[in-house]
Amino acid sequence: MIDFKEIIAHEIFDEALGLSVEEIKSMLEIPADESMGDFAFPCFKLARTMRKAPQMIAAEIAERIGESEYFDKVEQVNAYVNTFINRAYFAGELIKEVNSKAENYGKCNVGEGRTVIVEYSSPNIAKPFHIGHIRSTVIGNSIYKLYDAIGYKTVRINHLGDYGTQFGKMIVAYRKWGNEDELKANPIKSLLSYYTKFHVEVEEHPELDDEARETFARLESGAAEEVALWEKFREYSLAEFNRVYGMLGISFDSYAGESFYSDKMPAVVDELRAKGLLVESQGAQIVDLEPYGLTPAVILKSDGSSLYATRDIAAAIYRKKTYDFYKNIYVVASQQNLHFKQWKKVLDLMGYEWQEDCVHVPFGLVSLEEGTMSTRHGRVVFLEDVLNNAVDKTKEIMLEKNPETPELDEIAKEVGIGAVIFQELSNNRIKDYVFSWDKVLNFDGETGPYVQYTHARASSVLRNADEEDIRAITSGACDFTYLNSDSAYSLIKLLYRVPEVICDAAEKYEPSILTRHLVDIAQSFNKFYHDEHILVDNIEEKRAKLSLVLASKIVIANCLDLLGIKAPERM
């Protein structure tokens, strides 16, 4: 992609300024008001070295570069040199770049040769895959796609919650109140009912907790009966999870969950002990983190069983040895902030400097309108139900508007599920929010369906063009001087910024940066579509405008893909 900042910096460069091209480039700004130009160069810094008023310096630079072929005009405004790029040149360079790179437009190789692990979704087996899991799942999937797009080798890990005392509770509950036929017919809802009943009964019979702890201890020691039940729960759960992942179009490179590290934890405990980091506290083995302003990290409970911290330390060490990661990203709710600080500090005390490359990407919580979700009390909204309802609602809307739509079921699925994903990714990830059916199923305004409809609209315009016109625009044989209107130029500038936006979203672990930019592109395209008559009689004008439609279609589809959303050709 042509770097307009580089071009402008070279045009401005003069030895008398005492600045290198790179320094000039770093000083260039994009004015908030488009009427002030495309790029502005502030001259305040030069006043001291050149012993002139910055306004005078700006006027001299503007006059010197004003005749450049790259600019439509150059203006001095106070202490700024405001440059207006030649619109036809800008349009031509952008559109040829997009059309030549197609699905690779926006991608780069900045991460080439380095590995990034993204751990996300990570539901607990034998529990519902509920609406609360969607945040980690779709945020993590988009972060994986963003890092993949900028050239990193990415590894997608689903760190399943398949270990811990909760499985002692589940096994006890199943033995007391469950049966095989019920479990086969509806695995997760049955397991949820047993788990809920356990937490009701334990209020009257606290000895159930002791039985659950003993059961988990047998599971951890490899007792055949407990292991067989655990494996059955895991198998049923994965089948349920994979059905939802299939709806979302999400897959993983590894399902190595907490249990995978059970045989790797003794070595961690031994290492901690050898390095003098383990101390006993009320029968438990802990790492004292009080000198670092943190509560103790419990490594082994008094009964000898492991905890999250133990397993996460073992997992991090295993991942470093196996993948030699550049970054090890954990997309986990902000509730776990303390946990991540604790085990990272333990790794630091163990002498592992690479712990700094383990990055916790927190996100806000989802609650229900009637209160916080609780698996223990059975108060959850199943994610599969949300997705199915969104698809059904979309189909209803489409049947009302155009019952003859080809491939109605497939498009309704793409749009309905896209609406749910887009809503999750449209706000800053750290914000908490209350789940509302009305909001999820509202397709008006700045939503996924609005962006998808924009893509379908662009596709429709191209379908109505002549084959000869399509051949001309794909070959780049266009007169781009016809793309000089404000609406066309605003759209072109937004398309141009996409590679930069993708990098920014990846580096900040924030898909909403891309989502907001994509909404801006869709709004700008629709303004161009309404302001300009595209399929005009003038062949050169028509082809120039069609080339911008094609570029917009490509970019919207690419950006939707990075969010994990389909781009339908029709709606």
Protein backbone atom coordinates (compact mmCIF):
# COMPACT_ATOMS: atom_id res chain seq x y z
CA MET A 1 0.00 0.00 0.00
CA ILE A 2 1.29 3.43 -0.90
CA ASP A 3 2.29 5.42 2.19
CA PHE A 4 0.96 8.95 1.74
CA LYS A 5 2.68 10.12 4.91
CA GLU A 6 5.97 9.01 3.38
CA ILE A 7 5.23 10.94 0.17
CA ILE A 8 4.28 14.10 2.06
CA ALA A 9 7.32 13.85 4.33
CA HIS A 10 9.60 13.66 1.27
CA GLU A 11 7.85 16.66 -0.28
CA ILE A 12 8.24 18.73 2.90
CA PHE A 13 11.83 17.66 3.56
CA ASP A 14 14.45 20.37 3.28
CA GLU A 15 17.83 20.41 4.99
CA ALA A 16 17.06 23.88 6.32
CA LEU A 17 14.30 22.40 8.50
CA GLY A 18 16.79 20.29 10.42
CA LEU A 19 14.45 17.28 10.40
CA SER A 20 14.81 13.86 8.79
CA VAL A 21 12.08 12.41 6.58
CA GLU A 22 11.16 9.98 9.40
CA GLU A 23 10.86 12.83 11.92
CA ILE A 24 8.62 14.79 9.56
CA LYS A 25 6.51 11.67 8.95
CA SER A 26 6.06 11.11 12.69
CA MET A 27 4.84 14.71 13.11
CA LEU A 28 2.10 14.50 10.45
CA GLU A 29 -1.46 14.60 11.78
CA ILE A 30 -4.86 13.74 10.35
CA PRO A 31 -7.17 16.74 10.91
CA ALA A 32 -10.42 15.99 12.72
CA ASP A 33 -12.20 18.30 10.27
CA GLU A 34 -11.93 16.98 6.68
CA SER A 35 -12.20 20.54 5.36
CA MET A 36 -8.72 21.13 6.83
CA GLY A 37 -7.12 18.60 4.49
CA ASP A 38 -5.97 15.00 4.56
CA PHE A 39 -2.72 15.49 6.48
CA ALA A 40 -1.43 18.45 8.48
CA PHE A 41 2.16 19.32 9.40
CA PRO A 42 2.59 21.45 12.57
CA CYS A 43 5.48 23.93 12.52
CA PHE A 44 5.63 24.93 16.21
CA LYS A 45 8.70 22.76 16.82
CA LEU A 46 10.64 24.57 14.07
CA ALA A 47 10.20 28.06 15.47
CA ARG A 48 13.09 27.75 17.93
CA THR A 49 15.63 26.22 15.51
CA MET A 50 14.74 28.38 12.50
CA ARG A 51 14.19 31.54 14.58
CA LYS A 52 10.97 32.37 12.74
CA ALA A 53 7.31 32.50 13.65
CA PRO A 54 5.71 29.07 13.02
CA GLN A 55 3.04 30.73 10.82
CA MET A 56 5.78 32.09 8.57
CA ILE A 57 7.51 28.71 8.34
CA ALA A 58 4.18 27.04 7.46
CA ALA A 59 3.55 29.63 4.72
CA GLU A 60 7.01 29.03 3.19
CA ILE A 61 6.58 25.25 3.16
CA ALA A 62 3.06 25.53 1.68
CA GLU A 63 4.32 27.74 -1.13
CA ARG A 64 7.30 25.46 -1.86
CA ILE A 65 5.30 22.22 -2.17
CA GLY A 66 2.05 23.66 -3.52
CA GLU A 67 2.75 22.71 -7.15
CA SER A 68 3.46 19.03 -6.42
CA GLU A 69 1.58 16.54 -8.59
CA TYR A 70 0.56 14.68 -5.43
CA PHE A 71 -1.62 17.51 -4.11
CA ASP A 72 -4.85 19.13 -5.25
CA LYS A 73 -3.91 22.04 -3.01
CA VAL A 74 -1.76 22.99 -0.03
CA GLU A 75 -2.82 25.62 2.49
CA GLN A 76 -1.15 27.38 5.39
CA VAL A 77 -3.56 27.69 8.31
CA ASN A 78 -1.96 29.38 11.31
CA ALA A 79 1.09 27.24 12.18
CA TYR A 80 -0.03 24.24 10.08
CA VAL A 81 0.65 23.14 6.51
CA ASN A 82 -2.57 21.45 5.40
CA THR A 83 -2.20 19.14 2.40
CA PHE A 84 -5.03 17.91 0.20
CA ILE A 85 -3.99 14.75 -1.69
CA ASN A 86 -4.79 14.61 -5.41
CA ARG A 87 -8.11 12.76 -5.25
CA ALA A 88 -7.78 10.91 -8.55
CA TYR A 89 -4.29 9.72 -7.62
CA PHE A 90 -5.44 8.64 -4.14
CA ALA A 91 -8.48 6.80 -5.57
CA GLY A 92 -6.47 5.02 -8.23
CA GLU A 93 -3.74 3.82 -5.88
CA LEU A 94 -6.23 2.61 -3.27
CA ILE A 95 -8.61 0.84 -5.66
CA LYS A 96 -5.84 -0.90 -7.63
CA GLU A 97 -4.30 -2.09 -4.36
CA VAL A 98 -7.59 -3.48 -3.02
CA ASN A 99 -8.56 -5.18 -6.27
CA SER A 100 -5.12 -6.75 -6.74
CA LYS A 101 -4.85 -8.07 -3.17
CA ALA A 102 -8.55 -9.02 -2.90
CA GLU A 103 -9.06 -11.18 0.24
CA ASN A 104 -5.51 -10.32 1.38
CA TYR A 105 -6.13 -6.57 1.46
CA GLY A 106 -5.48 -5.30 4.99
CA LYS A 107 -3.09 -8.12 5.82
CA CYS A 108 0.64 -7.75 6.43
CA ASN A 109 3.63 -9.80 7.60
CA VAL A 110 4.65 -7.79 10.66
CA GLY A 111 4.51 -10.94 12.83
CA GLU A 112 6.29 -13.27 10.44
CA GLY A 113 8.34 -15.95 12.18
CA ARG A 114 6.70 -15.46 15.59
CA THR A 115 4.04 -17.53 17.33
CA VAL A 116 1.06 -16.16 19.23
CA ILE A 117 -1.15 -18.41 21.34
CA VAL A 118 -4.74 -17.30 21.92
CA GLU A 119 -6.63 -19.12 24.66
CA TYR A 120 -10.36 -18.47 24.52
CA SER A 121 -13.87 -19.80 25.14
CA SER A 122 -12.78 -22.48 27.68
CA PRO A 123 -16.19 -23.55 29.04
CA ASN A 124 -16.55 -25.99 31.92
CA ILE A 125 -17.56 -29.49 30.86
CA ALA A 126 -20.78 -30.87 32.31
CA LYS A 127 -22.14 -27.35 32.53
CA PRO A 128 -24.22 -25.28 30.08
CA PHE A 129 -22.59 -23.38 27.25
CA HIS A 130 -24.42 -20.17 28.14
CA ILE A 131 -24.59 -16.56 26.97
CA GLY A 132 -21.81 -15.62 29.38
CA HIS A 133 -19.38 -17.76 27.35
CA ILE A 134 -19.98 -15.84 24.15
CA ARG A 135 -17.70 -12.98 25.17
CA SER A 136 -14.51 -15.03 25.53
CA THR A 137 -15.49 -17.12 22.50
CA VAL A 138 -16.07 -14.38 19.91
CA ILE A 139 -13.58 -11.83 21.29
CA GLY A 140 -10.89 -14.52 21.36
CA ASN A 141 -11.77 -15.77 17.88
CA SER A 142 -11.49 -12.24 16.47
CA ILE A 143 -8.16 -11.62 18.25
CA TYR A 144 -6.87 -14.87 16.75
CA LYS A 145 -8.00 -13.76 13.29
CA LEU A 146 -6.45 -10.29 13.70
CA TYR A 147 -3.06 -11.72 14.70
CA ASP A 148 -3.26 -14.24 11.88
CA ALA A 149 -3.97 -11.35 9.46
CA ILE A 150 -0.84 -9.46 10.47
CA GLY A 151 1.43 -12.41 9.86
CA TYR A 152 1.81 -14.27 13.15
CA LYS A 153 1.63 -18.03 13.39
CA THR A 154 -1.42 -18.39 15.61
CA VAL A 155 -2.39 -21.29 17.87
CA ARG A 156 -5.99 -21.48 19.08
CA ILE A 157 -6.39 -23.18 22.44
CA ASN A 158 -9.65 -24.10 24.15
CA HIS A 159 -8.50 -24.60 27.76
CA LEU A 160 -11.50 -26.66 28.84
CA GLY A 161 -12.55 -26.50 32.47
CA ASP A 162 -12.47 -30.25 32.93
CA TYR A 163 -10.86 -30.64 36.35
CA GLY A 164 -11.41 -29.59 39.95
CA THR A 165 -13.68 -30.13 42.93
CA GLN A 166 -16.77 -29.28 40.84
CA PHE A 167 -16.41 -32.71 39.18
CA GLY A 168 -16.50 -34.37 42.58
CA LYS A 169 -19.83 -32.57 43.11
CA MET A 170 -21.10 -33.58 39.67
CA ILE A 171 -20.23 -37.26 40.16
CA VAL A 172 -21.86 -37.32 43.59
CA ALA A 173 -24.99 -35.63 42.20
CA TYR A 174 -25.21 -38.03 39.25
CA ARG A 175 -24.89 -41.08 41.50
CA LYS A 176 -27.62 -39.84 43.83
CA TRP A 177 -30.16 -38.36 41.37
CA GLY A 178 -29.16 -39.12 37.79
CA ASN A 179 -29.77 -41.93 35.33
CA GLU A 180 -28.16 -42.98 32.06
CA ASP A 181 -31.24 -42.65 29.82
CA GLU A 182 -31.92 -39.09 30.97
CA LEU A 183 -28.27 -38.19 30.49
CA LYS A 184 -28.17 -39.56 26.93
CA ALA A 185 -31.39 -37.78 25.93
CA ASN A 186 -30.33 -34.32 27.11
CA PRO A 187 -26.79 -34.37 28.52
CA ILE A 188 -26.07 -30.79 29.53
CA LYS A 189 -29.52 -29.85 30.82
CA SER A 190 -29.60 -33.09 32.83
CA LEU A 191 -26.14 -32.48 34.31
CA LEU A 192 -27.17 -28.90 35.10
CA SER A 193 -30.25 -30.15 36.97
CA TYR A 194 -28.09 -32.56 39.02
CA TYR A 195 -25.54 -29.85 39.80
CA THR A 196 -28.30 -27.41 40.80
CA LYS A 197 -29.89 -30.04 43.03
CA PHE A 198 -26.52 -30.68 44.73
CA HIS A 199 -26.27 -27.01 45.74
CA VAL A 200 -29.83 -27.06 47.06
CA GLU A 201 -29.29 -30.26 49.05
CA VAL A 202 -25.91 -29.21 50.46
CA GLU A 203 -27.66 -26.45 52.43
CA GLU A 204 -29.39 -29.15 54.49
CA HIS A 205 -26.66 -31.78 54.19
CA PRO A 206 -23.21 -30.11 54.38
CA GLU A 207 -21.60 -33.53 54.50
CA LEU A 208 -22.18 -33.65 50.72
CA ASP A 209 -19.28 -31.22 50.30
CA ASP A 210 -16.96 -33.64 52.11
CA GLU A 211 -18.17 -36.47 49.90
CA ALA A 212 -17.53 -34.32 46.80
CA ARG A 213 -13.98 -33.51 47.91
CA GLU A 214 -13.25 -37.17 48.57
CA THR A 215 -14.69 -38.09 45.18
CA PHE A 216 -12.51 -35.56 43.38
CA ALA A 217 -9.46 -36.82 45.28
CA ARG A 218 -10.25 -40.33 43.94
CA LEU A 219 -10.67 -38.88 40.43
CA GLU A 220 -7.34 -37.10 40.69
CA SER A 221 -5.64 -40.31 41.85
CA GLY A 222 -7.05 -42.19 38.82
CA ALA A 223 -9.82 -44.30 40.39
CA ALA A 224 -11.40 -46.24 37.52
CA GLU A 225 -15.08 -45.62 38.30
CA GLU A 226 -14.67 -41.87 38.82
CA VAL A 227 -12.50 -41.53 35.71
CA ALA A 228 -15.08 -43.40 33.60
CA LEU A 229 -17.88 -41.04 34.70
CA TRP A 230 -15.67 -37.98 34.15
CA GLU A 231 -14.81 -39.18 30.62
CA LYS A 232 -18.50 -39.72 29.86
CA PHE A 233 -19.39 -36.19 31.04
CA ARG A 234 -16.52 -34.78 28.95
CA GLU A 235 -17.56 -36.66 25.80
CA TYR A 236 -21.19 -35.52 26.06
CA SER A 237 -20.13 -31.95 26.78
CA LEU A 238 -17.75 -31.71 23.81
CA ALA A 239 -20.49 -32.94 21.47
CA GLU A 240 -22.77 -30.14 22.75
CA PHE A 241 -20.03 -27.52 22.59
CA ASN A 242 -18.99 -28.47 19.06
CA ARG A 243 -22.54 -28.03 17.83
CA VAL A 244 -22.47 -24.41 19.05
CA TYR A 245 -18.94 -23.84 17.72
CA GLY A 246 -20.17 -25.14 14.37
CA MET A 247 -22.96 -22.55 14.34
CA LEU A 248 -20.42 -19.81 15.11
CA GLY A 249 -17.92 -21.10 12.53
CA ILE A 250 -15.24 -21.46 15.23
CA SER A 251 -12.62 -24.18 15.56
CA PHE A 252 -9.51 -24.79 17.67
CA ASP A 253 -6.04 -26.25 17.27
CA SER A 254 -6.05 -27.71 20.79
CA TYR A 255 -8.64 -28.74 23.38
CA ALA A 256 -5.96 -29.34 26.03
CA GLY A 257 -7.88 -28.42 29.15
CA GLU A 258 -7.01 -28.42 32.83
CA SER A 259 -6.90 -32.23 33.03
CA PHE A 260 -4.17 -32.33 30.35
CA TYR A 261 -1.77 -30.83 32.86
CA SER A 262 -2.55 -33.19 35.77
CA ASP A 263 0.61 -35.24 35.15
CA LYS A 264 2.70 -32.08 34.73
CA MET A 265 1.79 -30.50 38.06
CA PRO A 266 4.01 -32.63 40.35
CA ALA A 267 7.09 -31.31 38.52
CA VAL A 268 5.87 -27.73 39.12
CA VAL A 269 5.35 -28.43 42.82
CA ASP A 270 8.81 -30.00 43.04
CA GLU A 271 10.38 -27.00 41.30
CA LEU A 272 8.63 -24.54 43.60
CA ARG A 273 9.80 -26.52 46.61
CA ALA A 274 13.38 -26.76 45.29
CA LYS A 275 13.49 -23.01 44.74
CA GLY A 276 12.34 -22.37 48.29
CA LEU A 277 9.07 -20.76 47.24
CA LEU A 278 6.58 -23.15 48.90
CA VAL A 279 5.51 -22.59 52.49
CA GLU A 280 2.85 -24.33 54.57
CA SER A 281 -0.22 -22.41 55.68
CA GLN A 282 -3.02 -24.15 57.59
CA GLY A 283 -2.08 -27.44 55.96
CA ALA A 284 -2.03 -26.02 52.42
CA GLN A 285 1.07 -25.34 50.32
CA ILE A 286 1.26 -21.70 49.20
CA VAL A 287 3.58 -19.14 47.63
CA ASP A 288 3.61 -16.05 49.86
CA LEU A 289 3.00 -13.02 47.66
CA GLU A 290 2.33 -10.51 50.45
CA PRO A 291 5.67 -8.68 49.82
CA TYR A 292 4.33 -7.92 46.32
CA GLY A 293 0.96 -6.62 47.46
CA LEU A 294 -0.90 -9.81 46.53
CA THR A 295 -2.73 -12.48 48.50
CA PRO A 296 -1.04 -15.92 48.67
CA ALA A 297 -1.13 -18.24 45.65
CA VAL A 298 -2.45 -21.58 46.91
CA ILE A 299 -0.61 -24.38 45.08
CA LEU A 300 -1.95 -27.43 46.93
CA LYS A 301 -4.96 -27.62 49.23
CA SER A 302 -4.70 -29.31 52.62
CA ASP A 303 -5.99 -32.58 51.11
CA GLY A 304 -3.21 -32.47 48.48
CA SER A 305 -5.44 -31.60 45.52
CA SER A 306 -4.43 -28.95 42.99
CA LEU A 307 -5.98 -25.58 42.15
CA TYR A 308 -6.31 -23.29 39.13
CA ALA A 309 -2.99 -21.58 39.86
CA THR A 310 -1.08 -24.87 39.87
CA ARG A 311 -2.61 -25.94 36.57
CA ASP A 312 -2.09 -22.54 34.91
CA ILE A 313 1.58 -22.45 35.92
CA ALA A 314 2.06 -25.95 34.47
CA ALA A 315 0.19 -24.93 31.30
CA ALA A 316 2.30 -21.81 30.76
CA ILE A 317 5.56 -23.74 31.16
CA TYR A 318 4.31 -26.45 28.78
CA ARG A 319 3.25 -23.88 26.18
CA LYS A 320 6.59 -22.09 26.29
CA LYS A 321 8.45 -25.37 25.80
CA THR A 322 6.08 -26.59 23.08
CA TYR A 323 5.42 -23.42 21.06
CA ASP A 324 8.17 -20.98 22.12
CA PHE A 325 5.51 -18.28 21.96
CA TYR A 326 6.07 -14.58 21.32
CA LYS A 327 2.80 -13.90 23.13
CA ASN A 328 0.56 -16.17 25.18
CA ILE A 329 -2.83 -14.42 25.23
CA TYR A 330 -5.59 -15.36 27.69
CA VAL A 331 -9.07 -14.04 26.84
CA VAL A 332 -10.63 -14.43 30.28
CA ALA A 333 -13.17 -12.35 32.24
CA SER A 334 -11.99 -9.46 34.39
CA GLN A 335 -13.14 -11.44 37.47
CA GLN A 336 -9.87 -13.36 37.14
CA ASN A 337 -7.56 -10.31 37.27
CA LEU A 338 -6.14 -11.26 40.68
CA HIS A 339 -5.62 -14.88 39.64
CA PHE A 340 -3.52 -13.83 36.62
CA LYS A 341 -1.44 -11.42 38.70
CA GLN A 342 -0.77 -14.19 41.21
CA TRP A 343 0.39 -16.96 38.90
CA LYS A 344 2.39 -14.57 36.71
CA LYS A 345 4.20 -13.39 39.84
CA VAL A 346 4.90 -17.00 40.82
CA LEU A 347 6.41 -17.61 37.35
CA ASP A 348 8.49 -14.46 37.83
CA LEU A 349 9.79 -15.72 41.20
CA MET A 350 10.61 -19.04 39.54
CA GLY A 351 12.92 -17.10 37.22
CA TYR A 352 10.86 -17.27 34.02
CA GLU A 353 11.32 -13.85 32.39
CA TRP A 354 8.98 -14.86 29.56
CA GLN A 355 6.04 -14.52 31.98
CA GLU A 356 5.93 -10.91 30.74
CA ASP A 357 4.79 -12.33 27.38
CA CYS A 358 1.74 -13.94 29.02
CA VAL A 359 -1.03 -11.41 28.43
CA HIS A 360 -4.39 -11.42 30.20
CA VAL A 361 -7.03 -9.82 27.99
CA PRO A 362 -9.96 -9.15 30.35
CA PHE A 363 -13.53 -8.43 29.37
CA GLY A 364 -16.64 -7.26 31.20
CA LEU A 365 -19.32 -9.57 32.49
CA VAL A 366 -22.72 -10.47 31.10
CA SER A 367 -25.63 -10.44 33.53
CA LEU A 368 -29.34 -11.12 33.08
CA GLU A 369 -32.09 -8.56 33.55
CA GLU A 370 -33.23 -10.56 36.59
CA GLY A 371 -29.70 -10.62 38.06
CA THR A 372 -26.34 -12.36 37.82
CA MET A 373 -26.19 -15.68 36.02
CA SER A 374 -25.65 -18.67 38.27
CA THR A 375 -25.05 -22.26 37.14
CA ARG A 376 -25.48 -23.42 40.73
CA HIS A 377 -29.01 -22.05 40.82
CA GLY A 378 -29.85 -22.98 37.22
CA ARG A 379 -30.24 -19.32 36.19
CA VAL A 380 -28.67 -19.30 32.72
CA VAL A 381 -29.52 -18.51 29.10
CA PHE A 382 -28.20 -21.19 26.74
CA LEU A 383 -26.05 -19.77 23.95
CA GLU A 384 -27.51 -22.20 21.43
CA ASP A 385 -31.00 -20.86 22.22
CA VAL A 386 -29.79 -17.29 21.63
CA LEU A 387 -28.30 -18.20 18.25
CA ASN A 388 -31.36 -20.19 17.14
CA ASN A 389 -33.74 -17.39 18.15
CA ALA A 390 -31.63 -14.84 16.27
CA VAL A 391 -31.79 -17.01 13.13
CA ASP A 392 -35.57 -17.47 13.48
CA LYS A 393 -36.11 -13.72 13.96
CA THR A 394 -33.99 -12.97 10.90
CA LYS A 395 -35.95 -15.46 8.81
CA GLU A 396 -39.24 -13.83 9.87
CA ILE A 397 -37.98 -10.39 8.83
CA MET A 398 -36.70 -11.68 5.48
CA LEU A 399 -39.96 -13.51 4.74
CA GLU A 400 -41.88 -10.28 5.33
CA LYS A 401 -39.63 -8.22 3.06
CA ASN A 402 -38.79 -10.70 0.32
CA PRO A 403 -40.24 -14.22 0.60
CA GLU A 404 -38.63 -15.16 -2.74
CA THR A 405 -35.08 -14.66 -1.45
CA PRO A 406 -32.88 -17.50 -2.75
CA GLU A 407 -31.12 -19.62 -0.09
CA LEU A 408 -33.29 -18.02 2.59
CA ASP A 409 -32.34 -20.47 5.36
CA GLU A 410 -28.59 -20.09 4.82
CA ILE A 411 -28.75 -16.29 4.64
CA ALA A 412 -30.96 -16.12 7.76
CA LYS A 413 -28.35 -18.18 9.60
CA GLU A 414 -25.47 -15.96 8.45
CA VAL A 415 -27.31 -12.75 9.34
CA GLY A 416 -28.86 -13.91 12.62
CA ILE A 417 -25.64 -15.33 14.03
CA GLY A 418 -23.72 -12.37 12.60
CA ALA A 419 -26.04 -10.03 14.52
CA VAL A 420 -25.21 -11.74 17.83
CA ILE A 421 -21.45 -11.72 17.18
CA PHE A 422 -21.42 -8.12 15.96
CA GLN A 423 -23.27 -6.90 19.03
CA GLU A 424 -20.66 -8.58 21.25
CA LEU A 425 -17.80 -6.97 19.35
CA SER A 426 -19.30 -3.52 18.81
CA ASN A 427 -18.54 -2.17 22.31
CA ASN A 428 -15.28 -1.93 24.20
CA ARG A 429 -14.64 -5.43 25.55
CA ILE A 430 -14.05 -4.29 29.14
CA LYS A 431 -17.60 -2.97 29.58
CA ASP A 432 -20.13 -5.01 31.53
CA TYR A 433 -23.56 -5.34 30.00
CA VAL A 434 -26.99 -6.76 30.73
CA PHE A 435 -28.22 -9.41 28.30
CA SER A 436 -31.51 -8.44 26.70
CA TRP A 437 -33.39 -10.42 24.06
CA ASP A 438 -34.73 -7.15 22.61
CA LYS A 439 -31.22 -5.76 22.07
CA VAL A 440 -29.82 -8.96 20.60
CA LEU A 441 -32.69 -9.25 18.14
CA ASN A 442 -32.83 -5.56 17.21
CA PHE A 443 -31.35 -5.22 13.73
CA ASP A 444 -31.82 -1.47 13.33
CA GLY A 445 -28.98 1.06 13.50
CA GLU A 446 -25.27 0.28 13.74
CA THR A 447 -25.62 -3.50 13.71
CA GLY A 448 -24.16 -6.54 12.00
CA PRO A 449 -27.15 -6.90 9.65
CA TYR A 450 -26.71 -3.24 8.59
CA VAL A 451 -23.09 -3.92 7.58
CA GLN A 452 -24.00 -7.22 5.92
CA TYR A 453 -26.81 -5.49 4.02
CA THR A 454 -24.28 -2.92 2.78
CA HIS A 455 -22.15 -5.77 1.41
CA ALA A 456 -25.23 -7.30 -0.25
CA ARG A 457 -26.12 -3.90 -1.74
CA ALA A 458 -22.65 -3.57 -3.27
CA SER A 459 -22.97 -7.12 -4.62
CA SER A 460 -26.33 -6.24 -6.18
CA VAL A 461 -24.89 -3.18 -7.96
CA LEU A 462 -22.11 -5.32 -9.42
CA ARG A 463 -24.57 -8.00 -10.55
CA ASN A 464 -26.45 -5.33 -12.50
CA ALA A 465 -23.31 -4.17 -14.30
CA ASP A 466 -22.28 -5.41 -17.75
CA GLU A 467 -19.69 -8.17 -18.02
CA GLU A 468 -17.50 -5.83 -20.06
CA ASP A 469 -17.62 -3.24 -17.26
CA ILE A 470 -16.61 -5.87 -14.69
CA ARG A 471 -13.65 -6.95 -16.84
CA ALA A 472 -12.56 -3.31 -17.17
CA ILE A 473 -12.71 -2.54 -13.45
CA THR A 474 -10.93 -5.73 -12.40
CA SER A 475 -8.11 -4.89 -14.83
CA GLY A 476 -7.82 -1.38 -13.33
CA ALA A 477 -8.63 0.34 -16.63
CA CYS A 478 -10.56 3.27 -15.16
CA ASP A 479 -10.46 7.05 -15.22
CA PHE A 480 -10.33 7.84 -11.50
CA THR A 481 -10.87 11.57 -12.02
CA TYR A 482 -14.58 10.74 -11.83
CA LEU A 483 -14.14 9.84 -8.14
CA ASN A 484 -13.67 13.42 -6.95
CA SER A 485 -16.90 13.95 -5.01
CA ASP A 486 -16.81 14.37 -1.25
CA SER A 487 -18.85 11.20 -0.66
CA ALA A 488 -16.56 9.09 -2.86
CA TYR A 489 -13.42 10.55 -1.33
CA SER A 490 -14.58 10.04 2.28
CA LEU A 491 -15.21 6.37 1.47
CA ILE A 492 -11.83 5.99 -0.23
CA LYS A 493 -10.01 7.38 2.81
CA LEU A 494 -11.82 4.96 5.14
CA LEU A 495 -10.89 2.00 2.92
CA TYR A 496 -7.29 3.21 2.85
CA ARG A 497 -7.05 3.19 6.66
CA VAL A 498 -8.14 -0.46 7.05
CA PRO A 499 -4.61 -2.02 7.27
CA GLU A 500 -3.70 0.48 10.00
CA VAL A 501 -6.97 -0.20 11.86
CA ILE A 502 -6.38 -3.97 11.74
CA CYS A 503 -2.91 -3.56 13.28
CA ASP A 504 -4.28 -1.20 15.92
CA ALA A 505 -7.10 -3.61 16.86
CA ALA A 506 -4.64 -6.52 17.15
CA GLU A 507 -2.07 -4.62 19.22
CA LYS A 508 -4.76 -3.39 21.63
CA TYR A 509 -6.62 -6.74 21.71
CA GLU A 510 -9.74 -4.74 20.87
CA PRO A 511 -11.94 -5.99 17.99
CA SER A 512 -14.35 -3.08 18.60
CA ILE A 513 -11.79 -0.76 16.95
CA LEU A 514 -12.33 -2.66 13.70
CA THR A 515 -16.08 -2.98 14.27
CA ARG A 516 -16.52 0.79 14.65
CA HIS A 517 -14.40 1.46 11.57
CA LEU A 518 -16.47 -1.05 9.61
CA VAL A 519 -19.68 0.76 10.59
CA ASP A 520 -18.09 4.01 9.35
CA ILE A 521 -17.29 2.32 6.02
CA ALA A 522 -20.85 1.00 5.68
CA GLN A 523 -22.35 4.41 6.44
CA SER A 524 -19.94 6.10 4.02
CA PHE A 525 -20.72 3.58 1.27
CA ASN A 526 -24.45 4.09 1.70
CA LYS A 527 -23.99 7.86 1.48
CA PHE A 528 -21.97 7.41 -1.73
CA TYR A 529 -24.67 5.04 -3.05
CA HIS A 530 -27.44 7.59 -2.35
CA ASP A 531 -25.51 10.67 -3.47
CA GLU A 532 -24.14 9.25 -6.71
CA HIS A 533 -25.89 7.60 -9.62
CA ILE A 534 -23.54 4.68 -10.30
CA LEU A 535 -24.81 2.92 -13.44
CA VAL A 536 -24.71 6.08 -15.59
CA ASP A 537 -24.56 6.30 -19.39
CA ASN A 538 -21.01 7.68 -19.42
CA ILE A 539 -18.97 4.47 -19.59
CA GLU A 540 -15.79 5.88 -18.00
CA GLU A 541 -17.70 7.43 -15.12
CA LYS A 542 -19.70 4.25 -14.57
CA ARG A 543 -16.56 2.09 -14.49
CA ALA A 544 -14.79 4.40 -12.07
CA LYS A 545 -17.74 4.27 -9.69
CA LEU A 546 -18.13 0.51 -10.10
CA SER A 547 -14.45 0.08 -9.24
CA LEU A 548 -15.09 1.83 -5.91
CA VAL A 549 -18.14 -0.37 -5.31
CA LEU A 550 -16.02 -3.48 -5.90
CA ALA A 551 -13.25 -2.24 -3.61
CA SER A 552 -15.81 -1.48 -0.88
CA LYS A 553 -17.37 -4.93 -1.22
CA ILE A 554 -13.97 -6.61 -0.88
CA VAL A 555 -12.98 -4.58 2.18
CA ILE A 556 -16.31 -5.06 3.98
CA ALA A 557 -16.12 -8.84 3.42
CA ASN A 558 -12.51 -8.94 4.67
CA CYS A 559 -13.35 -6.98 7.81
CA LEU A 560 -16.44 -9.06 8.57
CA ASP A 561 -14.31 -12.19 8.27
CA LEU A 562 -11.87 -10.83 10.86
CA LEU A 563 -14.83 -10.50 13.22
CA GLY A 564 -15.95 -14.07 12.48
CA ILE A 565 -19.00 -12.96 10.47
CA LYS A 566 -20.17 -14.03 7.01
CA ALA A 567 -20.72 -11.56 4.15
CA PRO A 568 -23.88 -12.62 2.23
CA GLU A 569 -24.19 -11.69 -1.44
CA ARG A 570 -27.96 -11.23 -1.13
CA MET A 571 -30.34 -10.16 1.64
